[in-house]
PDB file of all heavy atoms in Angstrom:
ATOM      1  N   GLY A   1      22.231-294.637 134.261  1.00  0.00           N
ATOM      2  CA  GLY A   1      22.171-295.209 135.590  1.00  0.00           C
ATOM      3  C   GLY A   1      21.913-294.165 136.643  1.00  0.00           C
ATOM      4  O   GLY A   1      21.829-292.978 136.397  1.00  0.00           O
ATOM      5  N   VAL A   2      21.783-294.595 137.892  1.00  0.00           N
ATOM      6  CA  VAL A   2      21.506-293.699 139.000  1.00  0.00           C
ATOM      7  C   VAL A   2      22.798-293.002 139.411  1.00  0.00           C
ATOM      8  O   VAL A   2      23.831-293.627 139.596  1.00  0.00           O
ATOM      9  CB  VAL A   2      20.927-294.493 140.192  1.00  0.00           C
ATOM     10  CG1 VAL A   2      20.727-293.585 141.380  1.00  0.00           C
ATOM     11  CG2 VAL A   2      19.626-295.150 139.773  1.00  0.00           C
ATOM     12  N   MET A   3      22.753-291.697 139.567  1.00  0.00           N
ATOM     13  CA  MET A   3      23.916-290.908 139.929  1.00  0.00           C
ATOM     14  C   MET A   3      23.834-290.492 141.388  1.00  0.00           C
ATOM     15  O   MET A   3      22.747-290.241 141.898  1.00  0.00           O
ATOM     16  CB  MET A   3      24.009-289.663 139.040  1.00  0.00           C
ATOM     17  CG  MET A   3      24.170-289.978 137.567  1.00  0.00           C
ATOM     18  SD  MET A   3      25.775-290.684 137.212  1.00  0.00           S
ATOM     19  CE  MET A   3      25.681-290.818 135.420  1.00  0.00           C
ATOM     20  N   ALA A   4      24.992-290.369 142.013  1.00  0.00           N
ATOM     21  CA  ALA A   4      25.049-289.894 143.396  1.00  0.00           C
ATOM     22  C   ALA A   4      25.327-288.412 143.383  1.00  0.00           C
ATOM     23  O   ALA A   4      26.276-287.951 142.763  1.00  0.00           O
ATOM     24  CB  ALA A   4      26.141-290.639 144.160  1.00  0.00           C
ATOM     25  N   ALA A   5      24.490-287.629 144.059  1.00  0.00           N
ATOM     26  CA  ALA A   5      24.647-286.179 144.073  1.00  0.00           C
ATOM     27  C   ALA A   5      25.810-285.786 144.963  1.00  0.00           C
ATOM     28  O   ALA A   5      26.135-286.450 145.952  1.00  0.00           O
ATOM     29  CB  ALA A   5      23.359-285.522 144.563  1.00  0.00           C
ATOM     30  N   ASN A   6      26.454-284.688 144.609  1.00  0.00           N
ATOM     31  CA  ASN A   6      27.519-284.141 145.433  1.00  0.00           C
ATOM     32  C   ASN A   6      26.950-283.771 146.804  1.00  0.00           C
ATOM     33  O   ASN A   6      25.904-283.125 146.884  1.00  0.00           O
ATOM     34  CB  ASN A   6      28.106-282.906 144.739  1.00  0.00           C
ATOM     35  CG  ASN A   6      29.376-282.418 145.398  1.00  0.00           C
ATOM     36  OD1 ASN A   6      29.393-282.139 146.593  1.00  0.00           O
ATOM     37  ND2 ASN A   6      30.436-282.313 144.604  1.00  0.00           N
ATOM     38  N   PRO A   7      27.609-284.179 147.884  1.00  0.00           N
ATOM     39  CA  PRO A   7      27.067-283.879 149.219  1.00  0.00           C
ATOM     40  C   PRO A   7      26.957-282.398 149.531  1.00  0.00           C
ATOM     41  O   PRO A   7      26.265-282.011 150.469  1.00  0.00           O
ATOM     42  CB  PRO A   7      28.058-284.574 150.164  1.00  0.00           C
ATOM     43  CG  PRO A   7      29.302-284.774 149.355  1.00  0.00           C
ATOM     44  CD  PRO A   7      28.843-284.980 147.954  1.00  0.00           C
ATOM     45  N   GLU A   8      27.653-281.554 148.771  1.00  0.00           N
ATOM     46  CA  GLU A   8      27.540-280.115 148.999  1.00  0.00           C
ATOM     47  C   GLU A   8      26.194-279.555 148.527  1.00  0.00           C
ATOM     48  O   GLU A   8      25.806-278.454 148.908  1.00  0.00           O
ATOM     49  CB  GLU A   8      28.667-279.380 148.262  1.00  0.00           C
ATOM     50  CG  GLU A   8      30.059-279.708 148.777  1.00  0.00           C
ATOM     51  CD  GLU A   8      31.124-278.926 148.033  1.00  0.00           C
ATOM     52  OE1 GLU A   8      30.807-277.811 147.561  1.00  0.00           O
ATOM     53  OE2 GLU A   8      32.249-279.419 147.895  1.00  0.00           O
ATOM     54  N   VAL A   9      25.494-280.303 147.693  1.00  0.00           N
ATOM     55  CA  VAL A   9      24.202-279.844 147.173  1.00  0.00           C
ATOM     56  C   VAL A   9      23.126-280.076 148.220  1.00  0.00           C
ATOM     57  O   VAL A   9      22.947-281.187 148.708  1.00  0.00           O
ATOM     58  CB  VAL A   9      23.844-280.572 145.867  1.00  0.00           C
ATOM     59  CG1 VAL A   9      22.476-280.116 145.352  1.00  0.00           C
ATOM     60  CG2 VAL A   9      24.911-280.324 144.811  1.00  0.00           C
ATOM     61  N   SER A  10      22.405-279.027 148.549  1.00  0.00           N
ATOM     62  CA  SER A  10      21.370-279.113 149.583  1.00  0.00           C
ATOM     63  C   SER A  10      20.137-279.844 149.067  1.00  0.00           C
ATOM     64  O   SER A  10      19.790-279.761 147.890  1.00  0.00           O
ATOM     65  CB  SER A  10      20.967-277.699 150.030  1.00  0.00           C
ATOM     66  OG  SER A  10      19.851-277.745 150.891  1.00  0.00           O
ATOM     67  N   ASP A  11      19.491-280.579 149.986  1.00  0.00           N
ATOM     68  CA  ASP A  11      18.241-281.238 149.635  1.00  0.00           C
ATOM     69  C   ASP A  11      17.061-280.642 150.387  1.00  0.00           C
ATOM     70  O   ASP A  11      16.017-281.285 150.533  1.00  0.00           O
ATOM     71  CB  ASP A  11      18.333-282.743 149.901  1.00  0.00           C
ATOM     72  CG  ASP A  11      18.608-283.041 151.375  1.00  0.00           C
ATOM     73  OD1 ASP A  11      18.833-282.084 152.149  1.00  0.00           O
ATOM     74  OD2 ASP A  11      18.584-284.232 151.750  1.00  0.00           O
ATOM     75  N   SER A  12      17.220-279.406 150.880  1.00  0.00           N
ATOM     76  CA  SER A  12      16.135-278.755 151.619  1.00  0.00           C
ATOM     77  C   SER A  12      15.018-278.337 150.666  1.00  0.00           C
ATOM     78  O   SER A  12      15.256-278.064 149.485  1.00  0.00           O
ATOM     79  CB  SER A  12      16.666-277.525 152.361  1.00  0.00           C
ATOM     80  OG  SER A  12      17.046-276.504 151.450  1.00  0.00           O
ATOM     81  N   GLU A  13      13.811-278.282 151.190  1.00  0.00           N
ATOM     82  CA  GLU A  13      12.658-277.910 150.379  1.00  0.00           C
ATOM     83  C   GLU A  13      12.786-276.485 149.851  1.00  0.00           C
ATOM     84  O   GLU A  13      12.368-276.184 148.732  1.00  0.00           O
ATOM     85  CB  GLU A  13      11.374-278.058 151.188  1.00  0.00           C
ATOM     86  CG  GLU A  13      11.048-279.509 151.555  1.00  0.00           C
ATOM     87  CD  GLU A  13       9.725-279.618 152.293  1.00  0.00           C
ATOM     88  OE1 GLU A  13       9.058-278.579 152.468  1.00  0.00           O
ATOM     89  OE2 GLU A  13       9.353-280.745 152.674  1.00  0.00           O
ATOM     90  N   GLU A  14      13.367-275.582 150.654  1.00  0.00           N
ATOM     91  CA  GLU A  14      13.512-274.194 150.238  1.00  0.00           C
ATOM     92  C   GLU A  14      14.440-274.079 149.037  1.00  0.00           C
ATOM     93  O   GLU A  14      14.163-273.372 148.062  1.00  0.00           O
ATOM     94  CB  GLU A  14      14.048-273.334 151.393  1.00  0.00           C
ATOM     95  CG  GLU A  14      13.095-273.194 152.565  1.00  0.00           C
ATOM     96  CD  GLU A  14      13.092-274.424 153.470  1.00  0.00           C
ATOM     97  OE1 GLU A  14      13.928-275.336 153.254  1.00  0.00           O
ATOM     98  OE2 GLU A  14      12.238-274.472 154.381  1.00  0.00           O
ATOM     99  N   ALA A  15      15.576-274.790 149.099  1.00  0.00           N
ATOM    100  CA  ALA A  15      16.531-274.734 147.989  1.00  0.00           C
ATOM    101  C   ALA A  15      15.947-275.354 146.729  1.00  0.00           C
ATOM    102  O   ALA A  15      16.123-274.832 145.618  1.00  0.00           O
ATOM    103  CB  ALA A  15      17.828-275.452 148.387  1.00  0.00           C
ATOM    104  N   ILE A  16      15.230-276.471 146.885  1.00  0.00           N
ATOM    105  CA  ILE A  16      14.627-277.145 145.727  1.00  0.00           C
ATOM    106  C   ILE A  16      13.579-276.245 145.078  1.00  0.00           C
ATOM    107  O   ILE A  16      13.512-276.128 143.853  1.00  0.00           O
ATOM    108  CB  ILE A  16      14.013-278.486 146.157  1.00  0.00           C
ATOM    109  CG1 ILE A  16      15.130-279.460 146.596  1.00  0.00           C
ATOM    110  CG2 ILE A  16      13.204-279.095 145.019  1.00  0.00           C
ATOM    111  CD1 ILE A  16      14.615-280.743 147.199  1.00  0.00           C
ATOM    112  N   ALA A  17      12.757-275.581 145.903  1.00  0.00           N
ATOM    113  CA  ALA A  17      11.719-274.699 145.367  1.00  0.00           C
ATOM    114  C   ALA A  17      12.333-273.522 144.623  1.00  0.00           C
ATOM    115  O   ALA A  17      11.877-273.133 143.533  1.00  0.00           O
ATOM    116  CB  ALA A  17      10.819-274.207 146.496  1.00  0.00           C
ATOM    117  N   ALA A  18      13.394-272.930 145.199  1.00  0.00           N
ATOM    118  CA  ALA A  18      14.053-271.811 144.536  1.00  0.00           C
ATOM    119  C   ALA A  18      14.703-272.260 143.228  1.00  0.00           C
ATOM    120  O   ALA A  18      14.655-271.549 142.207  1.00  0.00           O
ATOM    121  CB  ALA A  18      15.096-271.190 145.460  1.00  0.00           C
ATOM    122  N   GLY A  19      15.310-273.436 143.241  1.00  0.00           N
ATOM    123  CA  GLY A  19      15.942-273.954 142.031  1.00  0.00           C
ATOM    124  C   GLY A  19      14.935-274.290 140.947  1.00  0.00           C
ATOM    125  O   GLY A  19      15.201-274.099 139.763  1.00  0.00           O
ATOM    126  N   LYS A  20      13.751-274.773 141.368  1.00  0.00           N
ATOM    127  CA  LYS A  20      12.715-275.093 140.384  1.00  0.00           C
ATOM    128  C   LYS A  20      12.264-273.845 139.649  1.00  0.00           C
ATOM    129  O   LYS A  20      11.997-273.879 138.444  1.00  0.00           O
ATOM    130  CB  LYS A  20      11.527-275.753 141.075  1.00  0.00           C
ATOM    131  CG  LYS A  20      10.426-276.198 140.123  1.00  0.00           C
ATOM    132  CD  LYS A  20       9.353-277.001 140.831  1.00  0.00           C
ATOM    133  CE  LYS A  20       8.306-277.509 139.843  1.00  0.00           C
ATOM    134  NZ  LYS A  20       7.276-278.335 140.499  1.00  0.00           N
ATOM    135  N   SER A  21      12.177-272.735 140.379  1.00  0.00           N
ATOM    136  CA  SER A  21      11.786-271.474 139.742  1.00  0.00           C
ATOM    137  C   SER A  21      12.802-271.067 138.679  1.00  0.00           C
ATOM    138  O   SER A  21      12.439-270.650 137.570  1.00  0.00           O
ATOM    139  CB  SER A  21      11.661-270.375 140.800  1.00  0.00           C
ATOM    140  OG  SER A  21      11.356-269.140 140.203  1.00  0.00           O
ATOM    141  N   ILE A  22      14.100-271.203 138.991  1.00  0.00           N
ATOM    142  CA  ILE A  22      15.158-270.873 138.021  1.00  0.00           C
ATOM    143  C   ILE A  22      15.096-271.823 136.833  1.00  0.00           C
ATOM    144  O   ILE A  22      15.216-271.417 135.676  1.00  0.00           O
ATOM    145  CB  ILE A  22      16.541-270.940 138.702  1.00  0.00           C
ATOM    146  CG1 ILE A  22      16.630-269.896 139.822  1.00  0.00           C
ATOM    147  CG2 ILE A  22      17.651-270.716 137.685  1.00  0.00           C
ATOM    148  CD1 ILE A  22      17.896-270.003 140.648  1.00  0.00           C
ATOM    149  N   PHE A  23      14.873-273.102 137.116  1.00  0.00           N
ATOM    150  CA  PHE A  23      14.810-274.115 136.059  1.00  0.00           C
ATOM    151  C   PHE A  23      13.638-273.854 135.116  1.00  0.00           C
ATOM    152  O   PHE A  23      13.797-273.871 133.894  1.00  0.00           O
ATOM    153  CB  PHE A  23      14.688-275.503 136.686  1.00  0.00           C
ATOM    154  CG  PHE A  23      14.545-276.610 135.681  1.00  0.00           C
ATOM    155  CD1 PHE A  23      15.650-277.193 135.110  1.00  0.00           C
ATOM    156  CD2 PHE A  23      13.279-277.070 135.317  1.00  0.00           C
ATOM    157  CE1 PHE A  23      15.513-278.216 134.186  1.00  0.00           C
ATOM    158  CE2 PHE A  23      13.128-278.080 134.393  1.00  0.00           C
ATOM    159  CZ  PHE A  23      14.254-278.656 133.829  1.00  0.00           C
ATOM    160  N   ASN A  24      12.459-273.613 135.681  1.00  0.00           N
ATOM    161  CA  ASN A  24      11.272-273.395 134.855  1.00  0.00           C
ATOM    162  C   ASN A  24      11.395-272.136 134.008  1.00  0.00           C
ATOM    163  O   ASN A  24      10.892-272.077 132.887  1.00  0.00           O
ATOM    164  CB  ASN A  24      10.022-273.310 135.731  1.00  0.00           C
ATOM    165  CG  ASN A  24       9.631-274.661 136.293  1.00  0.00           C
ATOM    166  OD1 ASN A  24      10.012-275.695 135.764  1.00  0.00           O
ATOM    167  ND2 ASN A  24       8.867-274.656 137.369  1.00  0.00           N
ATOM    168  N   THR A  25      12.058-271.132 134.545  1.00  0.00           N
ATOM    169  CA  THR A  25      12.195-269.870 133.816  1.00  0.00           C
ATOM    170  C   THR A  25      13.183-269.980 132.667  1.00  0.00           C
ATOM    171  O   THR A  25      12.971-269.404 131.595  1.00  0.00           O
ATOM    172  CB  THR A  25      12.649-268.757 134.771  1.00  0.00           C
ATOM    173  OG1 THR A  25      11.695-268.633 135.835  1.00  0.00           O
ATOM    174  CG2 THR A  25      12.773-267.425 134.038  1.00  0.00           C
ATOM    175  N   ASN A  26      14.258-270.751 132.850  1.00  0.00           N
ATOM    176  CA  ASN A  26      15.362-270.703 131.894  1.00  0.00           C
ATOM    177  C   ASN A  26      15.694-272.018 131.195  1.00  0.00           C
ATOM    178  O   ASN A  26      16.328-271.984 130.145  1.00  0.00           O
ATOM    179  CB  ASN A  26      16.630-270.214 132.613  1.00  0.00           C
ATOM    180  CG  ASN A  26      16.431-268.875 133.288  1.00  0.00           C
ATOM    181  OD1 ASN A  26      16.360-267.853 132.640  1.00  0.00           O
ATOM    182  ND2 ASN A  26      16.321-268.876 134.609  1.00  0.00           N
ATOM    183  N   CYS A  27      15.298-273.138 131.768  1.00  0.00           N
ATOM    184  CA  CYS A  27      15.806-274.414 131.266  1.00  0.00           C
ATOM    185  C   CYS A  27      14.744-275.365 130.737  1.00  0.00           C
ATOM    186  O   CYS A  27      15.042-276.267 129.962  1.00  0.00           O
ATOM    187  CB  CYS A  27      16.575-275.144 132.368  1.00  0.00           C
ATOM    188  SG  CYS A  27      17.680-274.101 133.328  1.00  0.00           S
ATOM    189  N   LYS A  28      13.499-275.190 131.176  1.00  0.00           N
ATOM    190  CA  LYS A  28      12.461-276.185 130.925  1.00  0.00           C
ATOM    191  C   LYS A  28      12.175-276.376 129.447  1.00  0.00           C
ATOM    192  O   LYS A  28      11.779-277.459 129.013  1.00  0.00           O
ATOM    193  CB  LYS A  28      11.182-275.781 131.660  1.00  0.00           C
ATOM    194  CG  LYS A  28      10.089-276.843 131.631  1.00  0.00           C
ATOM    195  CD  LYS A  28       8.904-276.414 132.459  1.00  0.00           C
ATOM    196  CE  LYS A  28       7.817-277.476 132.427  1.00  0.00           C
ATOM    197  NZ  LYS A  28       6.639-277.081 133.228  1.00  0.00           N
ATOM    198  N   THR A  29      12.369-275.349 128.654  1.00  0.00           N
ATOM    199  CA  THR A  29      12.085-275.454 127.230  1.00  0.00           C
ATOM    200  C   THR A  29      12.933-276.526 126.561  1.00  0.00           C
ATOM    201  O   THR A  29      12.460-277.241 125.683  1.00  0.00           O
ATOM    202  CB  THR A  29      12.325-274.104 126.532  1.00  0.00           C
ATOM    203  OG1 THR A  29      11.436-273.131 127.086  1.00  0.00           O
ATOM    204  CG2 THR A  29      12.100-274.203 125.037  1.00  0.00           C
ATOM    205  N   CYS A  30      14.171-276.671 126.992  1.00  0.00           N
ATOM    206  CA  CYS A  30      15.101-277.580 126.308  1.00  0.00           C
ATOM    207  C   CYS A  30      15.443-278.828 127.108  1.00  0.00           C
ATOM    208  O   CYS A  30      16.032-279.753 126.559  1.00  0.00           O
ATOM    209  CB  CYS A  30      16.400-276.837 125.973  1.00  0.00           C
ATOM    210  SG  CYS A  30      16.186-275.438 124.864  1.00  0.00           S
ATOM    211  N   HIS A  31      15.116-278.866 128.396  1.00  0.00           N
ATOM    212  CA  HIS A  31      15.625-279.944 129.233  1.00  0.00           C
ATOM    213  C   HIS A  31      14.559-280.586 130.107  1.00  0.00           C
ATOM    214  O   HIS A  31      13.555-279.953 130.462  1.00  0.00           O
ATOM    215  CB  HIS A  31      16.744-279.424 130.136  1.00  0.00           C
ATOM    216  CG  HIS A  31      17.973-279.005 129.397  1.00  0.00           C
ATOM    217  ND1 HIS A  31      18.942-279.884 129.012  1.00  0.00           N
ATOM    218  CD2 HIS A  31      18.375-277.790 128.963  1.00  0.00           C
ATOM    219  CE1 HIS A  31      19.907-279.238 128.378  1.00  0.00           C
ATOM    220  NE2 HIS A  31      19.580-277.961 128.327  1.00  0.00           N
ATOM    221  N   ARG A  32      14.797-281.852 130.445  1.00  0.00           N
ATOM    222  CA  ARG A  32      14.048-282.573 131.459  1.00  0.00           C
ATOM    223  C   ARG A  32      15.062-283.109 132.473  1.00  0.00           C
ATOM    224  O   ARG A  32      16.253-283.176 132.189  1.00  0.00           O
ATOM    225  CB  ARG A  32      13.268-283.737 130.846  1.00  0.00           C
ATOM    226  CG  ARG A  32      12.285-283.309 129.783  1.00  0.00           C
ATOM    227  CD  ARG A  32      11.150-282.459 130.322  1.00  0.00           C
ATOM    228  NE  ARG A  32      10.254-282.039 129.258  1.00  0.00           N
ATOM    229  CZ  ARG A  32      10.390-280.928 128.579  1.00  0.00           C
ATOM    230  NH1 ARG A  32      11.391-280.089 128.840  1.00  0.00           N
ATOM    231  NH2 ARG A  32       9.537-280.607 127.625  1.00  0.00           N
ATOM    232  N   LEU A  33      14.581-283.492 133.629  1.00  0.00           N
ATOM    233  CA  LEU A  33      15.505-283.969 134.660  1.00  0.00           C
ATOM    234  C   LEU A  33      16.021-285.370 134.370  1.00  0.00           C
ATOM    235  O   LEU A  33      17.195-285.661 134.606  1.00  0.00           O
ATOM    236  CB  LEU A  33      14.813-283.948 136.024  1.00  0.00           C
ATOM    237  CG  LEU A  33      14.364-282.576 136.542  1.00  0.00           C
ATOM    238  CD1 LEU A  33      13.776-282.711 137.932  1.00  0.00           C
ATOM    239  CD2 LEU A  33      15.524-281.589 136.554  1.00  0.00           C
ATOM    240  N   ASP A  34      15.147-286.241 133.848  1.00  0.00           N
ATOM    241  CA  ASP A  34      15.502-287.664 133.766  1.00  0.00           C
ATOM    242  C   ASP A  34      15.423-288.245 132.360  1.00  0.00           C
ATOM    243  O   ASP A  34      15.534-289.448 132.190  1.00  0.00           O
ATOM    244  CB  ASP A  34      14.586-288.464 134.701  1.00  0.00           C
ATOM    245  CG  ASP A  34      14.715-288.019 136.143  1.00  0.00           C
ATOM    246  OD1 ASP A  34      15.753-288.315 136.755  1.00  0.00           O
ATOM    247  OD2 ASP A  34      13.791-287.362 136.658  1.00  0.00           O
ATOM    248  N   GLN A  35      15.204-287.424 131.366  1.00  0.00           N
ATOM    249  CA  GLN A  35      15.200-287.932 130.009  1.00  0.00           C
ATOM    250  C   GLN A  35      15.653-286.836 129.048  1.00  0.00           C
ATOM    251  O   GLN A  35      15.496-285.650 129.331  1.00  0.00           O
ATOM    252  CB  GLN A  35      13.809-288.431 129.616  1.00  0.00           C
ATOM    253  CG  GLN A  35      12.706-287.410 129.807  1.00  0.00           C
ATOM    254  CD  GLN A  35      11.340-287.997 129.537  1.00  0.00           C
ATOM    255  OE1 GLN A  35      11.212-288.966 128.816  1.00  0.00           O
ATOM    256  NE2 GLN A  35      10.302-287.401 130.109  1.00  0.00           N
ATOM    257  N   LYS A  36      16.217-287.239 127.928  1.00  0.00           N
ATOM    258  CA  LYS A  36      16.724-286.273 126.965  1.00  0.00           C
ATOM    259  C   LYS A  36      15.571-285.590 126.265  1.00  0.00           C
ATOM    260  O   LYS A  36      14.553-286.197 125.959  1.00  0.00           O
ATOM    261  CB  LYS A  36      17.613-286.977 125.936  1.00  0.00           C
ATOM    262  CG  LYS A  36      18.909-287.528 126.501  1.00  0.00           C
ATOM    263  CD  LYS A  36      19.788-288.105 125.407  1.00  0.00           C
ATOM    264  CE  LYS A  36      20.266-287.035 124.436  1.00  0.00           C
ATOM    265  NZ  LYS A  36      21.203-287.566 123.435  1.00  0.00           N
ATOM    266  N   ASN A  37      15.746-284.310 125.998  1.00  0.00           N
ATOM    267  CA  ASN A  37      14.774-283.563 125.217  1.00  0.00           C
ATOM    268  C   ASN A  37      15.567-282.872 124.110  1.00  0.00           C
ATOM    269  O   ASN A  37      16.245-283.527 123.332  1.00  0.00           O
ATOM    270  CB  ASN A  37      14.015-282.570 126.107  1.00  0.00           C
ATOM    271  CG  ASN A  37      12.810-281.982 125.425  1.00  0.00           C
ATOM    272  OD1 ASN A  37      12.224-282.600 124.551  1.00  0.00           O
ATOM    273  ND2 ASN A  37      12.439-280.786 125.795  1.00  0.00           N
ATOM    274  N   VAL A  38      15.534-281.564 124.015  1.00  0.00           N
ATOM    275  CA  VAL A  38      16.431-280.864 123.093  1.00  0.00           C
ATOM    276  C   VAL A  38      17.865-280.996 123.589  1.00  0.00           C
ATOM    277  O   VAL A  38      18.797-281.197 122.811  1.00  0.00           O
ATOM    278  CB  VAL A  38      16.035-279.384 122.990  1.00  0.00           C
ATOM    279  CG1 VAL A  38      17.019-278.623 122.119  1.00  0.00           C
ATOM    280  CG2 VAL A  38      14.634-279.274 122.412  1.00  0.00           C
ATOM    281  N   GLY A  39      18.031-280.857 124.882  1.00  0.00           N
ATOM    282  CA  GLY A  39      19.326-281.057 125.516  1.00  0.00           C
ATOM    283  C   GLY A  39      19.315-282.345 126.329  1.00  0.00           C
ATOM    284  O   GLY A  39      18.313-283.042 126.422  1.00  0.00           O
ATOM    285  N   PRO A  40      20.425-282.676 126.957  1.00  0.00           N
ATOM    286  CA  PRO A  40      20.524-283.934 127.712  1.00  0.00           C
ATOM    287  C   PRO A  40      19.735-283.886 129.009  1.00  0.00           C
ATOM    288  O   PRO A  40      19.360-282.825 129.498  1.00  0.00           O
ATOM    289  CB  PRO A  40      22.032-284.050 127.988  1.00  0.00           C
ATOM    290  CG  PRO A  40      22.506-282.628 127.995  1.00  0.00           C
ATOM    291  CD  PRO A  40      21.682-281.919 126.961  1.00  0.00           C
ATOM    292  N   ALA A  41      19.475-285.073 129.577  1.00  0.00           N
ATOM    293  CA  ALA A  41      18.872-285.152 130.903  1.00  0.00           C
ATOM    294  C   ALA A  41      19.851-284.567 131.921  1.00  0.00           C
ATOM    295  O   ALA A  41      21.066-284.642 131.755  1.00  0.00           O
ATOM    296  CB  ALA A  41      18.543-286.599 131.245  1.00  0.00           C
ATOM    297  N   LEU A  42      19.311-283.992 132.994  1.00  0.00           N
ATOM    298  CA  LEU A  42      20.151-283.201 133.890  1.00  0.00           C
ATOM    299  C   LEU A  42      20.528-283.884 135.200  1.00  0.00           C
ATOM    300  O   LEU A  42      21.594-283.611 135.747  1.00  0.00           O
ATOM    301  CB  LEU A  42      19.436-281.875 134.220  1.00  0.00           C
ATOM    302  CG  LEU A  42      18.967-281.059 133.017  1.00  0.00           C
ATOM    303  CD1 LEU A  42      18.361-279.752 133.486  1.00  0.00           C
ATOM    304  CD2 LEU A  42      20.106-280.793 132.066  1.00  0.00           C
ATOM    305  N   ARG A  43      19.665-284.720 135.724  1.00  0.00           N
ATOM    306  CA  ARG A  43      19.921-285.250 137.057  1.00  0.00           C
ATOM    307  C   ARG A  43      21.225-286.056 137.101  1.00  0.00           C
ATOM    308  O   ARG A  43      21.526-286.807 136.185  1.00  0.00           O
ATOM    309  CB  ARG A  43      18.753-286.132 137.519  1.00  0.00           C
ATOM    310  CG  ARG A  43      18.680-286.236 139.046  1.00  0.00           C
ATOM    311  CD  ARG A  43      17.614-287.210 139.496  1.00  0.00           C
ATOM    312  NE  ARG A  43      16.297-286.959 138.986  1.00  0.00           N
ATOM    313  CZ  ARG A  43      15.421-286.128 139.529  1.00  0.00           C
ATOM    314  NH1 ARG A  43      15.749-285.431 140.600  1.00  0.00           N
ATOM    315  NH2 ARG A  43      14.218-285.986 139.003  1.00  0.00           N
TER     316      ARG A  43
END
C-alpha cells in the first residue's frame, strides 16, 4: 500500500538529487523503489 513519509524527510530537489547519486552508486544493483528485486522495495 501507499506509505506516508516521515515529515522530517526533505522533499527538496537538491536532497532528492543527492540521494539519487548515493542510491545509484550503492543500492541500485539490489533494489528498486516500488517493487522487489534482490532486496525489498524501498519507498
